[in-house]
PDB file of N, CA and C in Angstrom:
ATOM      1  N   MET A   1       0.661  -1.048  -0.004  1.00  0.00           N
ATOM      2  CA  MET A   1       0.043   0.095   0.006  1.00  0.00           C
ATOM      3  C   MET A   1       0.996   1.256   0.006  1.00  0.00           C
ATOM      4  N   ILE A   2       0.546   2.244  -0.959  1.00  0.00           N
ATOM      5  CA  ILE A   2       1.345   3.462  -0.955  1.00  0.00           C
ATOM      6  C   ILE A   2       0.690   4.376  -0.125  1.00  0.00           C
ATOM      7  N   HIS A   3       1.367   5.161   0.864  1.00  0.00           N
ATOM      8  CA  HIS A   3       0.768   6.340   1.384  1.00  0.00           C
ATOM      9  C   HIS A   3       1.371   7.592   1.014  1.00  0.00           C
ATOM     10  N   TRP A   4       0.071   8.382   0.781  1.00  0.00           N
ATOM     11  CA  TRP A   4       0.299   9.648  -0.004  1.00  0.00           C
ATOM     12  C   TRP A   4       0.645  10.653   0.980  1.00  0.00           C
ATOM     13  N   PRO A   5       1.324  11.836   0.476  1.00  0.00           N
ATOM     14  CA  PRO A   5       1.984  12.184  -0.922  1.00  0.00           C
ATOM     15  C   PRO A   5       3.395  11.191  -0.872  1.00  0.00           C
ATOM     16  N   VAL A   6       3.982  11.307  -2.225  1.00  0.00           N
ATOM     17  CA  VAL A   6       5.020  10.375  -2.172  1.00  0.00           C
ATOM     18  C   VAL A   6       6.236  11.219  -3.216  1.00  0.00           C
ATOM     19  N   ILE A   7       7.396  10.869  -2.977  1.00  0.00           N
ATOM     20  CA  ILE A   7       8.370  11.415  -3.852  1.00  0.00           C
ATOM     21  C   ILE A   7       8.848  10.330  -4.923  1.00  0.00           C
ATOM     22  N   ILE A   8       8.931  10.830  -6.047  1.00  0.00           N
ATOM     23  CA  ILE A   8       9.170   9.892  -7.002  1.00  0.00           C
ATOM     24  C   ILE A   8      10.647  10.261  -7.589  1.00  0.00           C
ATOM     25  N   ILE A   9      11.647   9.148  -7.792  1.00  0.00           N
ATOM     26  CA  ILE A   9      12.856   9.087  -8.234  1.00  0.00           C
ATOM     27  C   ILE A   9      13.068   8.683  -9.535  1.00  0.00           C
ATOM     28  N   CYS A  10      13.186   9.435 -10.633  1.00  0.00           N
ATOM     29  CA  CYS A  10      13.035   9.010 -11.973  1.00  0.00           C
ATOM     30  C   CYS A  10      14.561   8.546 -12.338  1.00  0.00           C
ATOM     31  N   GLU A  11      14.677   7.253 -12.500  1.00  0.00           N
ATOM     32  CA  GLU A  11      16.193   6.572 -12.733  1.00  0.00           C
ATOM     33  C   GLU A  11      16.685   7.093 -13.920  1.00  0.00           C
ATOM     34  N   GLN A  12      15.725   7.336 -14.997  1.00  0.00           N
ATOM     35  CA  GLN A  12      16.368   7.709 -16.391  1.00  0.00           C
ATOM     36  C   GLN A  12      17.183   9.035 -16.374  1.00  0.00           C
ATOM     37  N   GLY A  13      16.831  10.055 -15.428  1.00  0.00           N
ATOM     38  CA  GLY A  13      17.275  11.176 -15.817  1.00  0.00           C
ATOM     39  C   GLY A  13      17.623  11.808 -14.250  1.00  0.00           C
ATOM     40  N   ALA A  14      17.812  11.041 -13.220  1.00  0.00           N
ATOM     41  CA  ALA A  14      17.899  11.447 -11.901  1.00  0.00           C
ATOM     42  C   ALA A  14      17.120  12.576 -11.697  1.00  0.00           C
ATOM     43  N   ASN A  15      15.756  12.593 -11.791  1.00  0.00           N
ATOM     44  CA  ASN A  15      15.099  13.815 -11.541  1.00  0.00           C
ATOM     45  C   ASN A  15      14.254  13.198 -10.539  1.00  0.00           C
ATOM     46  N   TYR A  16      13.688  14.416  -9.453  1.00  0.00           N
ATOM     47  CA  TYR A  16      12.807  14.033  -8.673  1.00  0.00           C
ATOM     48  C   TYR A  16      11.565  14.817  -8.821  1.00  0.00           C
ATOM     49  N   ALA A  17      10.384  14.233  -8.302  1.00  0.00           N
ATOM     50  CA  ALA A  17       9.068  14.843  -8.376  1.00  0.00           C
ATOM     51  C   ALA A  17       8.434  14.467  -7.097  1.00  0.00           C
ATOM     52  N   TRP A  18       7.112  14.996  -7.068  1.00  0.00           N
ATOM     53  CA  TRP A  18       6.294  14.896  -5.862  1.00  0.00           C
ATOM     54  C   TRP A  18       4.954  14.749  -6.580  1.00  0.00           C
ATOM     55  N   ALA A  19       4.252  14.045  -5.813  1.00  0.00           N
ATOM     56  CA  ALA A  19       2.740  13.587  -6.091  1.00  0.00           C
ATOM     57  C   ALA A  19       1.878  13.250  -4.891  1.00  0.00           C
ATOM     58  N   ASP A  20       0.771  14.009  -4.824  1.00  0.00           N
ATOM     59  CA  ASP A  20       0.080  13.890  -3.699  1.00  0.00           C
ATOM     60  C   ASP A  20      -1.168  12.998  -3.967  1.00  0.00           C
ATOM     61  N   GLY A  21      -1.231  12.224  -5.138  1.00  0.00           N
ATOM     62  CA  GLY A  21      -2.091  11.151  -5.228  1.00  0.00           C
ATOM     63  C   GLY A  21      -1.983  10.413  -6.614  1.00  0.00           C
ATOM     64  N   PRO A  22      -2.580   9.400  -7.010  1.00  0.00           N
ATOM     65  CA  PRO A  22      -2.308   8.396  -8.125  1.00  0.00           C
ATOM     66  C   PRO A  22      -2.775   9.197  -9.436  1.00  0.00           C
ATOM     67  N   GLU A  23      -3.496  10.146  -9.433  1.00  0.00           N
ATOM     68  CA  GLU A  23      -3.792  10.973 -10.641  1.00  0.00           C
ATOM     69  C   GLU A  23      -2.394  11.818 -10.834  1.00  0.00           C
ATOM     70  N   GLN A  24      -1.898  12.402 -10.050  1.00  0.00           N
ATOM     71  CA  GLN A  24      -0.612  13.218 -10.144  1.00  0.00           C
ATOM     72  C   GLN A  24       0.624  12.229 -10.673  1.00  0.00           C
ATOM     73  N   LEU A  25       0.741  11.177  -9.823  1.00  0.00           N
ATOM     74  CA  LEU A  25       1.679  10.137 -10.201  1.00  0.00           C
ATOM     75  C   LEU A  25       1.654   9.741 -11.741  1.00  0.00           C
ATOM     76  N   ALA A  26       0.449   9.341 -12.282  1.00  0.00           N
ATOM     77  CA  ALA A  26       0.151   8.703 -13.588  1.00  0.00           C
ATOM     78  C   ALA A  26       0.562   9.866 -14.475  1.00  0.00           C
ATOM     79  N   GLU A  27       0.628  11.220 -14.174  1.00  0.00           N
ATOM     80  CA  GLU A  27       1.132  12.153 -15.045  1.00  0.00           C
ATOM     81  C   GLU A  27       2.757  12.301 -15.314  1.00  0.00           C
ATOM     82  N   GLN A  28       3.212  11.362 -14.489  1.00  0.00           N
ATOM     83  CA  GLN A  28       4.954  11.412 -14.598  1.00  0.00           C
ATOM     84  C   GLN A  28       5.557  10.843 -15.513  1.00  0.00           C
ATOM     85  N   GLY A  29       4.911  10.027 -16.263  1.00  0.00           N
ATOM     86  CA  GLY A  29       5.929   9.436 -17.533  1.00  0.00           C
ATOM     87  C   GLY A  29       6.961   8.533 -16.905  1.00  0.00           C
ATOM     88  N   LEU A  30       6.302   7.413 -16.321  1.00  0.00           N
ATOM     89  CA  LEU A  30       7.205   6.549 -15.214  1.00  0.00           C
ATOM     90  C   LEU A  30       7.812   5.532 -16.101  1.00  0.00           C
ATOM     91  N   TRP A  31       9.074   4.810 -15.844  1.00  0.00           N
ATOM     92  CA  TRP A  31       9.652   3.885 -16.533  1.00  0.00           C
ATOM     93  C   TRP A  31      10.010   2.949 -15.421  1.00  0.00           C
ATOM     94  N   ARG A  32      10.143   1.682 -15.918  1.00  0.00           N
ATOM     95  CA  ARG A  32      10.592   0.688 -15.093  1.00  0.00           C
ATOM     96  C   ARG A  32      11.771   0.963 -14.435  1.00  0.00           C
ATOM     97  N   GLY A  33      12.000   0.495 -13.015  1.00  0.00           N
ATOM     98  CA  GLY A  33      13.140   0.881 -12.396  1.00  0.00           C
ATOM     99  C   GLY A  33      13.004   2.130 -11.574  1.00  0.00           C
ATOM    100  N   ASP A  34      11.882   3.197 -11.877  1.00  0.00           N
ATOM    101  CA  ASP A  34      12.011   4.328 -11.083  1.00  0.00           C
ATOM    102  C   ASP A  34      11.410   3.816  -9.663  1.00  0.00           C
ATOM    103  N   ARG A  35      11.760   4.796  -8.802  1.00  0.00           N
ATOM    104  CA  ARG A  35      11.585   4.518  -7.316  1.00  0.00           C
ATOM    105  C   ARG A  35      10.770   5.571  -6.824  1.00  0.00           C
ATOM    106  N   LEU A  36       9.836   5.129  -5.840  1.00  0.00           N
ATOM    107  CA  LEU A  36       8.967   5.897  -5.012  1.00  0.00           C
ATOM    108  C   LEU A  36       9.232   5.918  -3.523  1.00  0.00           C
ATOM    109  N   ILE A  37       8.927   6.966  -2.653  1.00  0.00           N
ATOM    110  CA  ILE A  37       9.054   7.009  -1.409  1.00  0.00           C
ATOM    111  C   ILE A  37       7.801   7.598  -1.150  1.00  0.00           C
ATOM    112  N   ASP A  38       7.184   6.675  -0.204  1.00  0.00           N
ATOM    113  CA  ASP A  38       5.813   7.222   0.379  1.00  0.00           C
ATOM    114  C   ASP A  38       5.998   7.990   1.792  1.00  0.00           C
ATOM    115  N   SER A  39       4.798   8.425   2.010  1.00  0.00           N
ATOM    116  CA  SER A  39       5.072   9.554   3.248  1.00  0.00           C
ATOM    117  C   SER A  39       5.326   8.853   4.537  1.00  0.00           C
ATOM    118  N   GLN A  40       5.470   7.369   4.613  1.00  0.00           N
ATOM    119  CA  GLN A  40       5.703   6.605   5.872  1.00  0.00           C
ATOM    120  C   GLN A  40       6.983   5.853   5.642  1.00  0.00           C
ATOM    121  N   GLY A  41       7.932   6.527   4.798  1.00  0.00           N
ATOM    122  CA  GLY A  41       9.241   5.990   4.518  1.00  0.00           C
ATOM    123  C   GLY A  41       9.345   4.670   3.868  1.00  0.00           C
ATOM    124  N   GLY A  42       8.340   4.236   3.219  1.00  0.00           N
ATOM    125  CA  GLY A  42       8.401   3.116   2.504  1.00  0.00           C
ATOM    126  C   GLY A  42       8.888   3.201   1.092  1.00  0.00           C
ATOM    127  N   THR A  43       9.644   2.349   0.738  1.00  0.00           N
ATOM    128  CA  THR A  43       9.954   2.321  -0.607  1.00  0.00           C
ATOM    129  C   THR A  43       9.515   1.379  -1.717  1.00  0.00           C
ATOM    130  N   HIS A  44       9.286   1.801  -2.978  1.00  0.00           N
ATOM    131  CA  HIS A  44       8.684   1.011  -3.918  1.00  0.00           C
ATOM    132  C   HIS A  44       9.590   1.202  -5.317  1.00  0.00           C
ATOM    133  N   ILE A  45       9.622   0.051  -5.972  1.00  0.00           N
ATOM    134  CA  ILE A  45      10.190   0.082  -7.305  1.00  0.00           C
ATOM    135  C   ILE A  45       9.325  -0.216  -8.373  1.00  0.00           C
ATOM    136  N   LEU A  46       9.289   0.522  -9.625  1.00  0.00           N
ATOM    137  CA  LEU A  46       8.022   0.189 -10.406  1.00  0.00           C
ATOM    138  C   LEU A  46       8.766  -0.946 -11.093  1.00  0.00           C
ATOM    139  N   SER A  47       8.056  -2.158 -11.221  1.00  0.00           N
ATOM    140  CA  SER A  47       8.475  -3.393 -11.851  1.00  0.00           C
ATOM    141  C   SER A  47       7.492  -3.787 -12.746  1.00  0.00           C
ATOM    142  N   GLN A  48       7.996  -4.793 -13.754  1.00  0.00           N
ATOM    143  CA  GLN A  48       6.999  -5.038 -15.023  1.00  0.00           C
ATOM    144  C   GLN A  48       7.016  -6.657 -14.813  1.00  0.00           C
ATOM    145  N   GLN A  49       5.511  -6.972 -14.952  1.00  0.00           N
ATOM    146  CA  GLN A  49       5.029  -8.388 -15.027  1.00  0.00           C
ATOM    147  C   GLN A  49       5.203  -9.078 -16.403  1.00  0.00           C
ATOM    148  N   ASN A  50       5.119 -10.397 -16.444  1.00  0.00           N
ATOM    149  CA  ASN A  50       5.560 -10.874 -18.002  1.00  0.00           C
ATOM    150  C   ASN A  50       4.556 -10.260 -19.004  1.00  0.00           C
ATOM    151  N   ASP A  51       3.333  -9.947 -18.623  1.00  0.00           N
ATOM    152  CA  ASP A  51       2.612  -9.345 -19.682  1.00  0.00           C
ATOM    153  C   ASP A  51       2.750  -7.778 -19.814  1.00  0.00           C
ATOM    154  N   ASP A  52       3.783  -7.492 -19.443  1.00  0.00           N
ATOM    155  CA  ASP A  52       4.322  -5.935 -19.598  1.00  0.00           C
ATOM    156  C   ASP A  52       3.522  -4.979 -18.754  1.00  0.00           C
ATOM    157  N   THR A  53       2.605  -5.512 -17.861  1.00  0.00           N
ATOM    158  CA  THR A  53       2.100  -4.460 -16.798  1.00  0.00           C
ATOM    159  C   THR A  53       2.998  -4.064 -15.749  1.00  0.00           C
ATOM    160  N   LEU A  54       3.095  -2.785 -15.712  1.00  0.00           N
ATOM    161  CA  LEU A  54       3.939  -2.074 -14.544  1.00  0.00           C
ATOM    162  C   LEU A  54       3.070  -2.183 -13.175  1.00  0.00           C
ATOM    163  N   TYR A  55       3.895  -2.219 -12.024  1.00  0.00           N
ATOM    164  CA  TYR A  55       3.216  -2.325 -10.895  1.00  0.00           C
ATOM    165  C   TYR A  55       4.380  -1.641 -10.012  1.00  0.00           C
ATOM    166  N   TRP A  56       3.949  -1.235  -8.693  1.00  0.00           N
ATOM    167  CA  TRP A  56       4.974  -0.821  -7.617  1.00  0.00           C
ATOM    168  C   TRP A  56       5.038  -1.817  -6.841  1.00  0.00           C
ATOM    169  N   HIS A  57       6.439  -2.432  -6.874  1.00  0.00           N
ATOM    170  CA  HIS A  57       6.846  -3.448  -5.787  1.00  0.00           C
ATOM    171  C   HIS A  57       7.275  -2.832  -4.577  1.00  0.00           C
ATOM    172  N   ARG A  58       6.635  -3.018  -3.302  1.00  0.00           N
ATOM    173  CA  ARG A  58       7.305  -2.580  -2.018  1.00  0.00           C
ATOM    174  C   ARG A  58       8.491  -3.191  -1.884  1.00  0.00           C
ATOM    175  N   GLN A  59       9.493  -2.571  -1.259  1.00  0.00           N
ATOM    176  CA  GLN A  59      10.807  -2.997  -0.837  1.00  0.00           C
ATOM    177  C   GLN A  59      10.711  -3.257   0.882  1.00  0.00           C
ATOM    178  N   PRO A  60      11.420  -4.117   1.174  1.00  0.00           N
ATOM    179  CA  PRO A  60      11.462  -4.359   2.680  1.00  0.00           C
ATOM    180  C   PRO A  60      11.992  -3.324   3.415  1.00  0.00           C
ATOM    181  N   GLU A  61      13.031  -2.470   3.032  1.00  0.00           N
ATOM    182  CA  GLU A  61      13.661  -1.362   3.589  1.00  0.00           C
ATOM    183  C   GLU A  61      12.928  -0.293   3.693  1.00  0.00           C
ATOM    184  N   LEU A  62      13.030   0.726   4.646  1.00  0.00           N
ATOM    185  CA  LEU A  62      12.798   2.043   4.599  1.00  0.00           C
ATOM    186  C   LEU A  62      13.593   2.826   4.327  1.00  0.00           C
ATOM    187  N   VAL A  63      13.332   4.207   3.673  1.00  0.00           N
ATOM    188  CA  VAL A  63      14.241   5.055   3.141  1.00  0.00           C
ATOM    189  C   VAL A  63      15.178   5.607   4.366  1.00  0.00           C
ATOM    190  N   SER A  64      16.363   5.819   3.951  1.00  0.00           N
ATOM    191  CA  SER A  64      17.412   6.340   4.719  1.00  0.00           C
ATOM    192  C   SER A  64      17.465   7.876   4.469  1.00  0.00           C
ATOM    193  N   LEU A  65      17.156   8.639   5.490  1.00  0.00           N
ATOM    194  CA  LEU A  65      16.806  10.140   5.408  1.00  0.00           C
ATOM    195  C   LEU A  65      18.297  10.668   5.302  1.00  0.00           C
ATOM    196  N   ALA A  66      19.274  10.009   5.662  1.00  0.00           N
ATOM    197  CA  ALA A  66      20.629  10.570   5.451  1.00  0.00           C
ATOM    198  C   ALA A  66      20.941  10.598   4.376  1.00  0.00           C
ATOM    199  N   GLU A  67      20.869   9.321   3.330  1.00  0.00           N
ATOM    200  CA  GLU A  67      21.384   9.285   2.014  1.00  0.00           C
ATOM    201  C   GLU A  67      20.042  10.038   1.253  1.00  0.00           C
ATOM    202  N   LEU A  68      18.864  10.077   1.626  1.00  0.00           N
ATOM    203  CA  LEU A  68      18.056  11.078   0.792  1.00  0.00           C
ATOM    204  C   LEU A  68      18.456  12.392   0.749  1.00  0.00           C
ATOM    205  N   ASN A  69      18.789  12.940   1.937  1.00  0.00           N
ATOM    206  CA  ASN A  69      19.725  14.223   1.931  1.00  0.00           C
ATOM    207  C   ASN A  69      20.845  14.536   1.129  1.00  0.00           C
ATOM    208  N   ILE A  70      21.401  13.416   0.864  1.00  0.00           N
ATOM    209  CA  ILE A  70      22.779  13.683   0.162  1.00  0.00           C
ATOM    210  C   ILE A  70      22.113  13.677  -1.237  1.00  0.00           C
ATOM    211  N   GLU A  71      21.380  12.868  -1.688  1.00  0.00           N
ATOM    212  CA  GLU A  71      20.796  12.851  -3.073  1.00  0.00           C
ATOM    213  C   GLU A  71      19.936  14.217  -3.413  1.00  0.00           C
ATOM    214  N   LEU A  72      19.231  14.627  -2.634  1.00  0.00           N
ATOM    215  CA  LEU A  72      18.607  15.748  -2.857  1.00  0.00           C
ATOM    216  C   LEU A  72      19.544  17.047  -3.082  1.00  0.00           C
ATOM    217  N   LYS A  73      20.581  16.974  -2.070  1.00  0.00           N
ATOM    218  CA  LYS A  73      21.430  18.096  -2.037  1.00  0.00           C
ATOM    219  C   LYS A  73      22.237  18.272  -3.580  1.00  0.00           C
ATOM    220  N   LEU A  74      22.440  16.982  -4.148  1.00  0.00           N
ATOM    221  CA  LEU A  74      23.040  16.772  -5.409  1.00  0.00           C
ATOM    222  C   LEU A  74      22.157  17.264  -6.472  1.00  0.00           C
ATOM    223  N   TYR A  75      20.749  16.929  -6.325  1.00  0.00           N
ATOM    224  CA  TYR A  75      19.853  17.291  -7.194  1.00  0.00           C
ATOM    225  C   TYR A  75      19.691  18.673  -7.400  1.00  0.00           C
ATOM    226  N   ALA A  76      19.469  19.468  -6.169  1.00  0.00           N
ATOM    227  CA  ALA A  76      19.297  20.788  -5.950  1.00  0.00           C
ATOM    228  C   ALA A  76      20.638  21.460  -6.759  1.00  0.00           C
ATOM    229  N   ALA A  77      21.538  20.975  -6.605  1.00  0.00           N
ATOM    230  CA  ALA A  77      23.060  21.617  -7.199  1.00  0.00           C
ATOM    231  C   ALA A  77      22.793  21.425  -8.606  1.00  0.00           C
ATOM    232  N   SER A  78      22.505  20.333  -9.195  1.00  0.00           N
ATOM    233  CA  SER A  78      22.244  20.273 -10.510  1.00  0.00           C
ATOM    234  C   SER A  78      21.357  21.367 -11.293  1.00  0.00           C
ATOM    235  N   LEU A  79      20.269  21.657 -10.541  1.00  0.00           N
ATOM    236  CA  LEU A  79      19.373  22.616 -10.747  1.00  0.00           C
ATOM    237  C   LEU A  79      20.010  24.021 -10.721  1.00  0.00           C
ATOM    238  N   GLY A  80      21.005  24.261 -10.161  1.00  0.00           N
ATOM    239  CA  GLY A  80      21.690  25.345 -10.018  1.00  0.00           C
ATOM    240  C   GLY A  80      21.254  26.456  -8.617  1.00  0.00           C
ATOM    241  N   VAL A  81      20.711  25.484  -7.872  1.00  0.00           N
ATOM    242  CA  VAL A  81      20.561  26.278  -6.564  1.00  0.00           C
ATOM    243  C   VAL A  81      21.764  26.396  -5.628  1.00  0.00           C
ATOM    244  N   CYS A  82      21.830  27.471  -5.213  1.00  0.00           N
ATOM    245  CA  CYS A  82      23.132  27.690  -4.496  1.00  0.00           C
ATOM    246  C   CYS A  82      23.093  27.356  -2.889  1.00  0.00           C
ATOM    247  N   CYS A  83      24.123  27.316  -2.357  1.00  0.00           N
ATOM    248  CA  CYS A  83      24.309  26.836  -0.722  1.00  0.00           C
ATOM    249  C   CYS A  83      23.458  25.743  -0.428  1.00  0.00           C
ATOM    250  N   THR A  84      23.696  24.640  -1.204  1.00  0.00           N
ATOM    251  CA  THR A  84      23.085  23.479  -0.981  1.00  0.00           C
ATOM    252  C   THR A  84      23.349  22.823   0.195  1.00  0.00           C
ATOM    253  N   ALA A  85      24.778  23.075   0.743  1.00  0.00           N
ATOM    254  CA  ALA A  85      25.019  22.399   2.117  1.00  0.00           C
ATOM    255  C   ALA A  85      24.201  22.890   3.233  1.00  0.00           C
ATOM    256  N   LYS A  86      23.437  24.166   2.991  1.00  0.00           N
ATOM    257  CA  LYS A  86      22.675  24.257   4.039  1.00  0.00           C
ATOM    258  C   LYS A  86      20.917  23.564   3.914  1.00  0.00           C
ATOM    259  N   LEU A  87      21.009  22.954   2.920  1.00  0.00           N
ATOM    260  CA  LEU A  87      19.798  22.208   2.737  1.00  0.00           C
ATOM    261  C   LEU A  87      19.706  20.684   3.636  1.00  0.00           C
ATOM    262  N   VAL A  88      18.923  20.819   4.645  1.00  0.00           N
ATOM    263  CA  VAL A  88      18.824  19.766   5.329  1.00  0.00           C
ATOM    264  C   VAL A  88      17.408  19.285   5.807  1.00  0.00           C
ATOM    265  N   THR A  89      17.044  18.206   5.397  1.00  0.00           N
ATOM    266  CA  THR A  89      15.639  17.665   5.866  1.00  0.00           C
ATOM    267  C   THR A  89      15.767  17.019   6.947  1.00  0.00           C
ATOM    268  N   ARG A  90      14.905  17.136   8.042  1.00  0.00           N
ATOM    269  CA  ARG A  90      14.767  16.400   9.307  1.00  0.00           C
ATOM    270  C   ARG A  90      13.853  15.358   9.188  1.00  0.00           C
ATOM    271  N   THR A  91      12.830  15.257   8.484  1.00  0.00           N
ATOM    272  CA  THR A  91      11.737  14.620   8.405  1.00  0.00           C
ATOM    273  C   THR A  91      11.273  14.187   6.870  1.00  0.00           C
ATOM    274  N   LEU A  92      10.523  13.115   6.683  1.00  0.00           N
ATOM    275  CA  LEU A  92      10.168  12.815   5.363  1.00  0.00           C
ATOM    276  C   LEU A  92       9.297  13.936   4.657  1.00  0.00           C
ATOM    277  N   ALA A  93       8.578  14.643   5.757  1.00  0.00           N
ATOM    278  CA  ALA A  93       7.636  15.600   5.357  1.00  0.00           C
ATOM    279  C   ALA A  93       8.323  16.780   4.625  1.00  0.00           C
ATOM    280  N   ASP A  94       9.595  17.232   5.592  1.00  0.00           N
ATOM    281  CA  ASP A  94      10.618  18.158   4.983  1.00  0.00           C
ATOM    282  C   ASP A  94      11.029  17.794   3.667  1.00  0.00           C
ATOM    283  N   ALA A  95      11.577  16.530   3.421  1.00  0.00           N
ATOM    284  CA  ALA A  95      12.002  16.216   1.988  1.00  0.00           C
ATOM    285  C   ALA A  95      11.084  16.404   1.030  1.00  0.00           C
ATOM    286  N   MET A  96       9.755  15.950   1.416  1.00  0.00           N
ATOM    287  CA  MET A  96       8.559  15.981   0.212  1.00  0.00           C
ATOM    288  C   MET A  96       8.498  17.513  -0.072  1.00  0.00           C
ATOM    289  N   ALA A  97       8.476  18.437   0.944  1.00  0.00           N
ATOM    290  CA  ALA A  97       8.320  20.048   0.729  1.00  0.00           C
ATOM    291  C   ALA A  97       9.543  20.452  -0.134  1.00  0.00           C
ATOM    292  N   LEU A  98      10.701  20.042   0.126  1.00  0.00           N
ATOM    293  CA  LEU A  98      11.912  20.359  -0.807  1.00  0.00           C
ATOM    294  C   LEU A  98      11.657  20.118  -1.930  1.00  0.00           C
ATOM    295  N   VAL A  99      11.460  18.581  -2.370  1.00  0.00           N
ATOM    296  CA  VAL A  99      11.119  18.231  -3.806  1.00  0.00           C
ATOM    297  C   VAL A  99       9.811  19.100  -4.583  1.00  0.00           C
ATOM    298  N   ALA A 100       8.969  19.340  -3.833  1.00  0.00           N
ATOM    299  CA  ALA A 100       7.970  20.341  -4.255  1.00  0.00           C
ATOM    300  C   ALA A 100       8.270  21.565  -4.668  1.00  0.00           C
ATOM    301  N   TRP A 101       9.419  22.246  -3.836  1.00  0.00           N
ATOM    302  CA  TRP A 101       9.767  23.419  -3.918  1.00  0.00           C
ATOM    303  C   TRP A 101      11.103  23.296  -5.248  1.00  0.00           C
ATOM    304  N   LEU A 102      11.800  22.250  -5.212  1.00  0.00           N
ATOM    305  CA  LEU A 102      12.773  22.126  -6.349  1.00  0.00           C
ATOM    306  C   LEU A 102      11.969  22.127  -7.589  1.00  0.00           C
ATOM    307  N   GLU A 103      10.787  21.372  -7.803  1.00  0.00           N
ATOM    308  CA  GLU A 103      10.135  21.203  -9.037  1.00  0.00           C
ATOM    309  C   GLU A 103       9.635  22.926  -9.405  1.00  0.00           C
ATOM    310  N   LEU A 104       9.703  23.709  -8.669  1.00  0.00           N
ATOM    311  CA  LEU A 104       9.238  25.005  -9.067  1.00  0.00           C
ATOM    312  C   LEU A 104      10.561  25.618  -9.602  1.00  0.00           C
ATOM    313  N   GLN A 105      11.749  25.365  -9.511  1.00  0.00           N
ATOM    314  CA  GLN A 105      13.122  26.093  -9.719  1.00  0.00           C
ATOM    315  C   GLN A 105      13.291  25.899 -11.298  1.00  0.00           C
TER     316      GLN A 105
END
């Protein structure tokens, strides 16, 4: 079960996006291998069944906030955001708000 909102990590371009529900998620143009982090820290990978149907496969581990912080700093820097060393998210809600803000940049 996916708990909304979510952070989407697009493996094809190392981009991040934010979605507050299934409709917004469907607009993202997702590829097999993309990852999703839900609001409770659950991680999911977009997988493909034998009939080519895509589905979100829940992973056993929870997201590491420390690793997510590093990834988001790199992503922010790639967008030209300055002072990324000061970007620190202490909660998943903070991380989701940061991704939503970065989408506007």
